[in-house]
Amino acid sequence: MSRDSTNLPRRSAGAGAHTEAGAAFTQLVIELFRLNGTMVAVGDDMTRDLGMTAARWQVLGAIGSEPKTVAAAARQMGLTRQNVQRIADWLVESGIAEFVENPNHRRAKLVALTKEGVALRQQLGRRQARWANVTGAHIGAAELRATTDVLKRLKKALEKRS
């Protein structure tokens, strides 16, 4: 069985040195952290005039058209239950969402969008589509799909705690 030289440690870097793939992964992680910060800032800018933030928008999107528990919304978006609960409480206080009875669980209420919440989600969806169309045109559909595939594979690898 032959070994790919890109996975072998660099000899000159000393103990704990990255392989070529390890160094590339580290650079990717750094860029993903930077990208996340930029995405949050852009999301905040896009929603500020509506009294929203990127985090609130993310939870609003996770709730979607079907009511769900806070825990289910958190799992869907890869967020902590506590953070989603805090935002769900704000959405309810703001009249954007409401807690409704859960036929499958007495204590875990479902979060559902109100009419105002549905309208807000649609408005944000139109903004997101315009932004995505303009931004996506800079990269191209094929490259974005390939990047998405790589990110999905990376997520699976990380979930295995490699």
N, C-alpha and C. Protein backbone atom coordinates (compact mmCIF):
# COMPACT_ATOMS: atom_id res chain seq x y z
N MET A 1 0.84 -1.17 0.00
CA MET A 1 0.00 0.00 0.00
C MET A 1 0.89 1.24 0.00
N SER A 2 0.68 2.11 -0.98
CA SER A 2 1.51 3.31 -1.05
C SER A 2 0.89 4.42 -0.23
N ARG A 3 1.74 5.27 0.29
CA ARG A 3 1.26 6.39 1.10
C ARG A 3 1.38 7.66 0.29
N ASP A 4 0.41 8.49 0.41
CA ASP A 4 0.40 9.79 -0.26
C ASP A 4 1.38 10.69 0.48
N SER A 5 2.35 11.24 -0.24
CA SER A 5 3.37 12.07 0.42
C SER A 5 2.78 13.33 1.04
N THR A 6 1.60 13.73 0.60
CA THR A 6 1.01 14.94 1.19
C THR A 6 0.54 14.70 2.61
N ASN A 7 0.47 13.44 3.04
CA ASN A 7 0.04 13.13 4.39
C ASN A 7 1.20 12.83 5.32
N LEU A 8 2.41 12.88 4.80
CA LEU A 8 3.58 12.61 5.62
C LEU A 8 4.03 13.89 6.31
N PRO A 9 4.54 13.80 7.56
CA PRO A 9 5.00 15.00 8.26
C PRO A 9 6.16 15.66 7.53
N ARG A 10 6.22 16.96 7.61
CA ARG A 10 7.37 17.69 7.07
C ARG A 10 8.54 17.43 8.00
N ARG A 11 9.67 17.10 7.45
CA ARG A 11 10.83 16.73 8.26
C ARG A 11 11.49 17.92 8.94
N SER A 12 11.48 19.07 8.29
CA SER A 12 12.23 20.21 8.83
C SER A 12 11.47 20.99 9.91
N ALA A 13 10.21 20.70 10.11
CA ALA A 13 9.43 21.51 11.04
C ALA A 13 9.55 21.05 12.49
N GLY A 14 10.12 19.90 12.74
CA GLY A 14 10.30 19.44 14.11
C GLY A 14 9.09 18.68 14.62
N ALA A 15 9.15 18.32 15.91
CA ALA A 15 8.09 17.54 16.53
C ALA A 15 6.77 18.30 16.49
N GLY A 16 5.69 17.58 16.28
CA GLY A 16 4.38 18.20 16.23
C GLY A 16 4.11 18.93 14.93
N ALA A 17 4.92 18.65 13.92
CA ALA A 17 4.76 19.35 12.65
C ALA A 17 3.52 18.88 11.92
N HIS A 18 2.94 19.77 11.16
CA HIS A 18 1.79 19.44 10.33
C HIS A 18 2.24 18.68 9.09
N THR A 19 1.39 17.77 8.65
CA THR A 19 1.55 17.23 7.30
C THR A 19 1.08 18.32 6.34
N GLU A 20 1.28 18.11 5.07
CA GLU A 20 0.78 19.09 4.09
C GLU A 20 -0.74 19.20 4.20
N ALA A 21 -1.42 18.07 4.35
CA ALA A 21 -2.87 18.08 4.49
C ALA A 21 -3.27 18.73 5.82
N GLY A 22 -2.51 18.48 6.88
CA GLY A 22 -2.81 19.10 8.17
C GLY A 22 -2.64 20.60 8.13
N ALA A 23 -1.60 21.08 7.44
CA ALA A 23 -1.40 22.52 7.31
C ALA A 23 -2.52 23.15 6.48
N ALA A 24 -2.94 22.45 5.42
CA ALA A 24 -4.03 22.96 4.58
C ALA A 24 -5.33 23.01 5.39
N PHE A 25 -5.56 21.98 6.22
CA PHE A 25 -6.75 21.96 7.06
C PHE A 25 -6.72 23.13 8.05
N THR A 26 -5.56 23.39 8.65
CA THR A 26 -5.43 24.50 9.59
C THR A 26 -5.74 25.83 8.91
N GLN A 27 -5.25 26.03 7.70
CA GLN A 27 -5.55 27.25 6.95
C GLN A 27 -7.04 27.35 6.66
N LEU A 28 -7.67 26.21 6.33
CA LEU A 28 -9.11 26.20 6.08
C LEU A 28 -9.87 26.60 7.34
N VAL A 29 -9.49 26.07 8.48
CA VAL A 29 -10.16 26.41 9.74
C VAL A 29 -10.06 27.90 10.00
N ILE A 30 -8.89 28.48 9.80
CA ILE A 30 -8.71 29.91 10.00
C ILE A 30 -9.63 30.70 9.07
N GLU A 31 -9.68 30.30 7.80
CA GLU A 31 -10.55 31.00 6.84
C GLU A 31 -12.03 30.83 7.18
N LEU A 32 -12.40 29.64 7.68
CA LEU A 32 -13.79 29.42 8.08
C LEU A 32 -14.17 30.30 9.26
N PHE A 33 -13.28 30.47 10.22
CA PHE A 33 -13.54 31.38 11.34
C PHE A 33 -13.71 32.81 10.84
N ARG A 34 -12.85 33.22 9.91
CA ARG A 34 -12.96 34.57 9.34
C ARG A 34 -14.26 34.71 8.56
N LEU A 35 -14.59 33.68 7.78
CA LEU A 35 -15.82 33.69 7.00
C LEU A 35 -17.03 33.78 7.92
N ASN A 36 -17.03 33.04 9.01
CA ASN A 36 -18.13 33.09 9.95
C ASN A 36 -18.32 34.51 10.49
N GLY A 37 -17.24 35.15 10.85
CA GLY A 37 -17.33 36.53 11.34
C GLY A 37 -17.91 37.45 10.29
N THR A 38 -17.49 37.28 9.05
CA THR A 38 -18.01 38.09 7.96
C THR A 38 -19.49 37.80 7.71
N MET A 39 -19.86 36.52 7.74
CA MET A 39 -21.25 36.14 7.53
C MET A 39 -22.15 36.74 8.61
N VAL A 40 -21.71 36.71 9.84
CA VAL A 40 -22.50 37.29 10.94
C VAL A 40 -22.64 38.79 10.73
N ALA A 41 -21.55 39.46 10.35
CA ALA A 41 -21.61 40.91 10.13
C ALA A 41 -22.55 41.25 8.97
N VAL A 42 -22.47 40.50 7.88
CA VAL A 42 -23.36 40.74 6.74
C VAL A 42 -24.81 40.46 7.14
N GLY A 43 -25.04 39.36 7.85
CA GLY A 43 -26.40 39.05 8.31
C GLY A 43 -26.96 40.12 9.22
N ASP A 44 -26.12 40.62 10.12
CA ASP A 44 -26.55 41.71 11.00
C ASP A 44 -26.92 42.95 10.19
N ASP A 45 -26.10 43.29 9.19
CA ASP A 45 -26.37 44.46 8.35
C ASP A 45 -27.67 44.28 7.56
N MET A 46 -27.90 43.07 7.03
CA MET A 46 -29.08 42.82 6.20
C MET A 46 -30.38 42.85 6.99
N THR A 47 -30.30 42.62 8.29
CA THR A 47 -31.52 42.48 9.09
C THR A 47 -31.73 43.60 10.11
N ARG A 48 -30.74 44.44 10.27
CA ARG A 48 -30.78 45.47 11.33
C ARG A 48 -32.02 46.34 11.25
N ASP A 49 -32.41 46.77 10.04
CA ASP A 49 -33.55 47.68 9.92
C ASP A 49 -34.87 47.00 10.30
N LEU A 50 -34.87 45.67 10.42
CA LEU A 50 -36.05 44.92 10.81
C LEU A 50 -36.01 44.53 12.29
N GLY A 51 -35.02 45.03 13.01
CA GLY A 51 -34.89 44.71 14.43
C GLY A 51 -34.32 43.32 14.67
N MET A 52 -33.71 42.76 13.67
CA MET A 52 -33.18 41.40 13.76
C MET A 52 -31.65 41.43 13.81
N THR A 53 -31.10 40.24 14.06
CA THR A 53 -29.66 40.01 13.97
C THR A 53 -29.47 38.73 13.18
N ALA A 54 -28.25 38.43 12.81
CA ALA A 54 -27.97 37.20 12.10
C ALA A 54 -28.38 35.98 12.94
N ALA A 55 -28.13 36.03 14.23
CA ALA A 55 -28.49 34.91 15.11
C ALA A 55 -30.00 34.72 15.17
N ARG A 56 -30.74 35.81 15.27
CA ARG A 56 -32.20 35.72 15.31
C ARG A 56 -32.73 35.18 13.97
N TRP A 57 -32.13 35.64 12.88
CA TRP A 57 -32.52 35.20 11.55
C TRP A 57 -32.27 33.70 11.40
N GLN A 58 -31.14 33.26 11.92
CA GLN A 58 -30.80 31.84 11.85
C GLN A 58 -31.83 30.99 12.59
N VAL A 59 -32.24 31.41 13.75
CA VAL A 59 -33.24 30.66 14.51
C VAL A 59 -34.60 30.75 13.83
N LEU A 60 -34.95 31.92 13.32
CA LEU A 60 -36.19 32.08 12.57
C LEU A 60 -36.24 31.10 11.40
N GLY A 61 -35.12 30.97 10.71
CA GLY A 61 -35.04 30.03 9.60
C GLY A 61 -35.12 28.59 10.05
N ALA A 62 -34.54 28.30 11.20
CA ALA A 62 -34.58 26.93 11.73
C ALA A 62 -35.99 26.53 12.12
N ILE A 63 -36.75 27.47 12.65
CA ILE A 63 -38.14 27.18 13.01
C ILE A 63 -38.91 26.86 11.74
N GLY A 64 -38.72 27.67 10.72
CA GLY A 64 -39.31 27.40 9.43
C GLY A 64 -40.82 27.35 9.43
N SER A 65 -41.37 26.58 8.49
CA SER A 65 -42.82 26.53 8.31
C SER A 65 -43.48 25.49 9.20
N GLU A 66 -42.70 24.61 9.80
CA GLU A 66 -43.23 23.58 10.69
C GLU A 66 -42.79 23.86 12.12
N PRO A 67 -43.73 23.97 13.05
CA PRO A 67 -43.32 24.18 14.45
C PRO A 67 -42.37 23.08 14.91
N LYS A 68 -41.42 23.45 15.74
CA LYS A 68 -40.49 22.46 16.29
C LYS A 68 -40.03 22.88 17.66
N THR A 69 -39.46 21.94 18.37
CA THR A 69 -38.95 22.25 19.70
C THR A 69 -37.67 23.06 19.58
N VAL A 70 -37.34 23.74 20.64
CA VAL A 70 -36.09 24.48 20.69
C VAL A 70 -34.92 23.53 20.47
N ALA A 71 -34.97 22.35 21.09
CA ALA A 71 -33.88 21.38 20.94
C ALA A 71 -33.74 20.94 19.48
N ALA A 72 -34.85 20.72 18.79
CA ALA A 72 -34.79 20.31 17.38
C ALA A 72 -34.21 21.42 16.52
N ALA A 73 -34.60 22.65 16.76
CA ALA A 73 -34.06 23.79 16.01
C ALA A 73 -32.56 23.92 16.27
N ALA A 74 -32.14 23.73 17.51
CA ALA A 74 -30.72 23.82 17.84
C ALA A 74 -29.92 22.74 17.13
N ARG A 75 -30.44 21.51 17.15
CA ARG A 75 -29.74 20.41 16.45
C ARG A 75 -29.63 20.69 14.96
N GLN A 76 -30.69 21.18 14.37
CA GLN A 76 -30.72 21.45 12.93
C GLN A 76 -29.64 22.45 12.54
N MET A 77 -29.43 23.45 13.37
CA MET A 77 -28.49 24.52 13.03
C MET A 77 -27.11 24.35 13.68
N GLY A 78 -26.94 23.31 14.48
CA GLY A 78 -25.66 23.10 15.13
C GLY A 78 -25.38 24.12 16.21
N LEU A 79 -26.43 24.57 16.89
CA LEU A 79 -26.31 25.56 17.96
C LEU A 79 -26.61 24.92 19.31
N THR A 80 -26.31 25.64 20.37
CA THR A 80 -26.66 25.12 21.70
C THR A 80 -28.14 25.36 21.97
N ARG A 81 -28.74 24.46 22.70
CA ARG A 81 -30.15 24.58 23.05
C ARG A 81 -30.40 25.87 23.83
N GLN A 82 -29.48 26.20 24.73
CA GLN A 82 -29.65 27.38 25.57
C GLN A 82 -29.67 28.66 24.74
N ASN A 83 -28.80 28.74 23.75
CA ASN A 83 -28.76 29.94 22.92
C ASN A 83 -30.03 30.05 22.08
N VAL A 84 -30.49 28.93 21.53
CA VAL A 84 -31.72 28.95 20.75
C VAL A 84 -32.91 29.29 21.65
N GLN A 85 -32.91 28.80 22.89
CA GLN A 85 -33.99 29.11 23.82
C GLN A 85 -34.05 30.61 24.08
N ARG A 86 -32.90 31.21 24.30
CA ARG A 86 -32.84 32.65 24.56
C ARG A 86 -33.41 33.43 23.37
N ILE A 87 -33.03 33.03 22.17
CA ILE A 87 -33.51 33.72 20.97
C ILE A 87 -34.99 33.43 20.74
N ALA A 88 -35.42 32.19 20.96
CA ALA A 88 -36.84 31.85 20.82
C ALA A 88 -37.68 32.68 21.78
N ASP A 89 -37.21 32.85 23.01
CA ASP A 89 -37.92 33.68 23.97
C ASP A 89 -38.07 35.11 23.45
N TRP A 90 -37.00 35.64 22.86
CA TRP A 90 -37.04 36.99 22.29
C TRP A 90 -38.04 37.04 21.13
N LEU A 91 -38.02 36.02 20.26
CA LEU A 91 -38.96 35.99 19.14
C LEU A 91 -40.40 35.98 19.63
N VAL A 92 -40.66 35.23 20.69
CA VAL A 92 -42.01 35.17 21.26
C VAL A 92 -42.38 36.53 21.86
N GLU A 93 -41.48 37.12 22.64
CA GLU A 93 -41.75 38.43 23.25
C GLU A 93 -42.01 39.50 22.19
N SER A 94 -41.39 39.32 21.03
CA SER A 94 -41.52 40.30 19.94
C SER A 94 -42.72 40.04 19.05
N GLY A 95 -43.46 38.96 19.30
CA GLY A 95 -44.64 38.66 18.49
C GLY A 95 -44.33 37.97 17.18
N ILE A 96 -43.09 37.54 17.00
CA ILE A 96 -42.67 36.89 15.76
C ILE A 96 -42.95 35.39 15.81
N ALA A 97 -42.95 34.84 17.01
CA ALA A 97 -43.20 33.41 17.21
C ALA A 97 -44.06 33.24 18.45
N GLU A 98 -44.52 32.02 18.65
CA GLU A 98 -45.30 31.68 19.84
C GLU A 98 -44.97 30.26 20.25
N PHE A 99 -45.13 29.98 21.52
CA PHE A 99 -44.99 28.62 22.02
C PHE A 99 -46.36 27.96 21.95
N VAL A 100 -46.40 26.76 21.39
CA VAL A 100 -47.66 26.02 21.29
C VAL A 100 -47.47 24.63 21.90
N GLU A 101 -48.60 24.03 22.26
CA GLU A 101 -48.57 22.70 22.86
C GLU A 101 -47.93 21.70 21.91
N ASN A 102 -47.19 20.77 22.50
CA ASN A 102 -46.53 19.71 21.75
C ASN A 102 -47.28 18.41 22.04
N PRO A 103 -47.94 17.83 21.05
CA PRO A 103 -48.70 16.60 21.30
C PRO A 103 -47.80 15.41 21.66
N ASN A 104 -46.51 15.53 21.40
CA ASN A 104 -45.58 14.43 21.68
C ASN A 104 -44.84 14.56 22.99
N HIS A 105 -45.00 15.70 23.66
CA HIS A 105 -44.23 15.93 24.89
C HIS A 105 -44.95 17.00 25.71
N ARG A 106 -45.23 16.70 26.96
CA ARG A 106 -45.97 17.65 27.79
C ARG A 106 -45.19 18.92 28.09
N ARG A 107 -43.89 18.78 28.36
CA ARG A 107 -43.12 19.95 28.82
C ARG A 107 -42.40 20.69 27.70
N ALA A 108 -41.98 19.99 26.66
CA ALA A 108 -41.22 20.63 25.59
C ALA A 108 -42.18 21.25 24.57
N LYS A 109 -42.44 22.53 24.72
CA LYS A 109 -43.34 23.23 23.82
C LYS A 109 -42.72 23.34 22.42
N LEU A 110 -43.58 23.55 21.44
CA LEU A 110 -43.13 23.80 20.08
C LEU A 110 -43.05 25.30 19.86
N VAL A 111 -42.12 25.72 19.03
CA VAL A 111 -42.02 27.12 18.64
C VAL A 111 -42.60 27.20 17.24
N ALA A 112 -43.56 28.09 17.06
CA ALA A 112 -44.21 28.28 15.77
C ALA A 112 -44.19 29.76 15.42
N LEU A 113 -44.07 30.05 14.14
CA LEU A 113 -44.10 31.44 13.70
C LEU A 113 -45.53 31.96 13.71
N THR A 114 -45.68 33.20 14.11
CA THR A 114 -46.96 33.89 14.01
C THR A 114 -47.11 34.39 12.58
N LYS A 115 -48.25 35.00 12.26
CA LYS A 115 -48.43 35.60 10.93
C LYS A 115 -47.33 36.62 10.66
N GLU A 116 -46.99 37.40 11.70
CA GLU A 116 -45.93 38.39 11.56
C GLU A 116 -44.59 37.71 11.31
N GLY A 117 -44.36 36.60 11.98
CA GLY A 117 -43.12 35.86 11.79
C GLY A 117 -43.00 35.27 10.41
N VAL A 118 -44.10 34.75 9.89
CA VAL A 118 -44.10 34.20 8.52
C VAL A 118 -43.79 35.31 7.52
N ALA A 119 -44.43 36.47 7.69
CA ALA A 119 -44.18 37.60 6.79
C ALA A 119 -42.73 38.06 6.88
N LEU A 120 -42.19 38.12 8.09
CA LEU A 120 -40.80 38.51 8.28
C LEU A 120 -39.86 37.50 7.63
N ARG A 121 -40.14 36.22 7.82
CA ARG A 121 -39.30 35.17 7.21
C ARG A 121 -39.33 35.28 5.69
N GLN A 122 -40.48 35.58 5.11
CA GLN A 122 -40.58 35.74 3.66
C GLN A 122 -39.80 36.96 3.19
N GLN A 123 -39.90 38.05 3.93
CA GLN A 123 -39.16 39.27 3.58
C GLN A 123 -37.66 39.01 3.63
N LEU A 124 -37.21 38.35 4.68
CA LEU A 124 -35.79 38.02 4.80
C LEU A 124 -35.38 37.04 3.71
N GLY A 125 -36.26 36.13 3.35
CA GLY A 125 -35.96 35.19 2.27
C GLY A 125 -35.73 35.90 0.94
N ARG A 126 -36.51 36.93 0.66
CA ARG A 126 -36.31 37.70 -0.57
C ARG A 126 -34.98 38.43 -0.54
N ARG A 127 -34.64 39.00 0.60
CA ARG A 127 -33.34 39.68 0.73
C ARG A 127 -32.20 38.69 0.55
N GLN A 128 -32.35 37.53 1.19
CA GLN A 128 -31.30 36.51 1.09
C GLN A 128 -31.13 36.05 -0.35
N ALA A 129 -32.22 35.90 -1.08
CA ALA A 129 -32.13 35.45 -2.48
C ALA A 129 -31.38 36.47 -3.33
N ARG A 130 -31.69 37.75 -3.16
CA ARG A 130 -30.96 38.79 -3.91
C ARG A 130 -29.47 38.75 -3.58
N TRP A 131 -29.17 38.68 -2.29
CA TRP A 131 -27.78 38.64 -1.84
C TRP A 131 -27.07 37.39 -2.36
N ALA A 132 -27.73 36.25 -2.28
CA ALA A 132 -27.13 35.00 -2.75
C ALA A 132 -26.88 35.03 -4.25
N ASN A 133 -27.81 35.60 -5.00
CA ASN A 133 -27.64 35.67 -6.46
C ASN A 133 -26.43 36.52 -6.84
N VAL A 134 -26.30 37.67 -6.20
CA VAL A 134 -25.18 38.56 -6.50
C VAL A 134 -23.86 37.93 -6.04
N THR A 135 -23.85 37.41 -4.82
CA THR A 135 -22.63 36.83 -4.27
C THR A 135 -22.25 35.56 -5.04
N GLY A 136 -23.23 34.70 -5.30
CA GLY A 136 -22.96 33.46 -6.02
C GLY A 136 -22.40 33.69 -7.41
N ALA A 137 -22.80 34.78 -8.06
CA ALA A 137 -22.31 35.08 -9.40
C ALA A 137 -20.80 35.34 -9.41
N HIS A 138 -20.24 35.76 -8.29
CA HIS A 138 -18.80 36.02 -8.21
C HIS A 138 -17.99 34.73 -8.21
N ILE A 139 -18.58 33.63 -7.78
CA ILE A 139 -17.86 32.36 -7.64
C ILE A 139 -18.29 31.37 -8.72
N GLY A 140 -19.57 31.24 -8.94
CA GLY A 140 -20.11 30.30 -9.91
C GLY A 140 -20.72 29.08 -9.23
N ALA A 141 -21.79 28.59 -9.83
CA ALA A 141 -22.57 27.50 -9.23
C ALA A 141 -21.75 26.22 -9.06
N ALA A 142 -20.98 25.84 -10.07
CA ALA A 142 -20.22 24.58 -10.00
C ALA A 142 -19.20 24.61 -8.87
N GLU A 143 -18.48 25.71 -8.74
CA GLU A 143 -17.48 25.81 -7.68
C GLU A 143 -18.13 25.86 -6.30
N LEU A 144 -19.26 26.53 -6.19
CA LEU A 144 -19.97 26.57 -4.90
C LEU A 144 -20.51 25.20 -4.53
N ARG A 145 -21.04 24.45 -5.50
CA ARG A 145 -21.51 23.09 -5.20
C ARG A 145 -20.34 22.20 -4.76
N ALA A 146 -19.20 22.32 -5.42
CA ALA A 146 -18.03 21.52 -5.05
C ALA A 146 -17.57 21.89 -3.64
N THR A 147 -17.57 23.15 -3.31
CA THR A 147 -17.18 23.60 -1.97
C THR A 147 -18.15 23.06 -0.93
N THR A 148 -19.44 23.10 -1.24
CA THR A 148 -20.45 22.57 -0.32
C THR A 148 -20.21 21.09 -0.07
N ASP A 149 -19.90 20.35 -1.12
CA ASP A 149 -19.62 18.91 -0.96
C ASP A 149 -18.42 18.68 -0.04
N VAL A 150 -17.37 19.46 -0.21
CA VAL A 150 -16.18 19.33 0.64
C VAL A 150 -16.54 19.66 2.09
N LEU A 151 -17.31 20.71 2.30
CA LEU A 151 -17.68 21.10 3.67
C LEU A 151 -18.54 20.02 4.33
N LYS A 152 -19.42 19.39 3.58
CA LYS A 152 -20.23 18.30 4.13
C LYS A 152 -19.34 17.12 4.53
N ARG A 153 -18.36 16.80 3.69
CA ARG A 153 -17.43 15.71 4.02
C ARG A 153 -16.59 16.06 5.24
N LEU A 154 -16.17 17.30 5.32
CA LEU A 154 -15.39 17.75 6.47
C LEU A 154 -16.22 17.66 7.75
N LYS A 155 -17.49 18.06 7.68
CA LYS A 155 -18.37 17.97 8.84
C LYS A 155 -18.49 16.53 9.31
N LYS A 156 -18.67 15.61 8.39
CA LYS A 156 -18.77 14.19 8.76
C LYS A 156 -17.48 13.71 9.42
N ALA A 157 -16.35 14.12 8.88
CA ALA A 157 -15.06 13.73 9.47
C ALA A 157 -14.91 14.29 10.87
N LEU A 158 -15.33 15.53 11.07
CA LEU A 158 -15.23 16.14 12.40
C LEU A 158 -16.19 15.49 13.39
N GLU A 159 -17.34 15.08 12.92
CA GLU A 159 -18.29 14.42 13.80
C GLU A 159 -17.75 13.08 14.31
N LYS A 160 -16.83 12.50 13.56
CA LYS A 160 -16.18 11.26 14.00
C LYS A 160 -15.06 11.56 14.99
N ARG A 161 -14.79 12.84 15.22
CA ARG A 161 -13.73 13.31 16.13
C ARG A 161 -12.37 12.73 15.75
N SER A 162 -12.05 12.90 14.46
CA SER A 162 -10.79 12.35 13.93
C SER A 162 -9.56 12.91 14.54
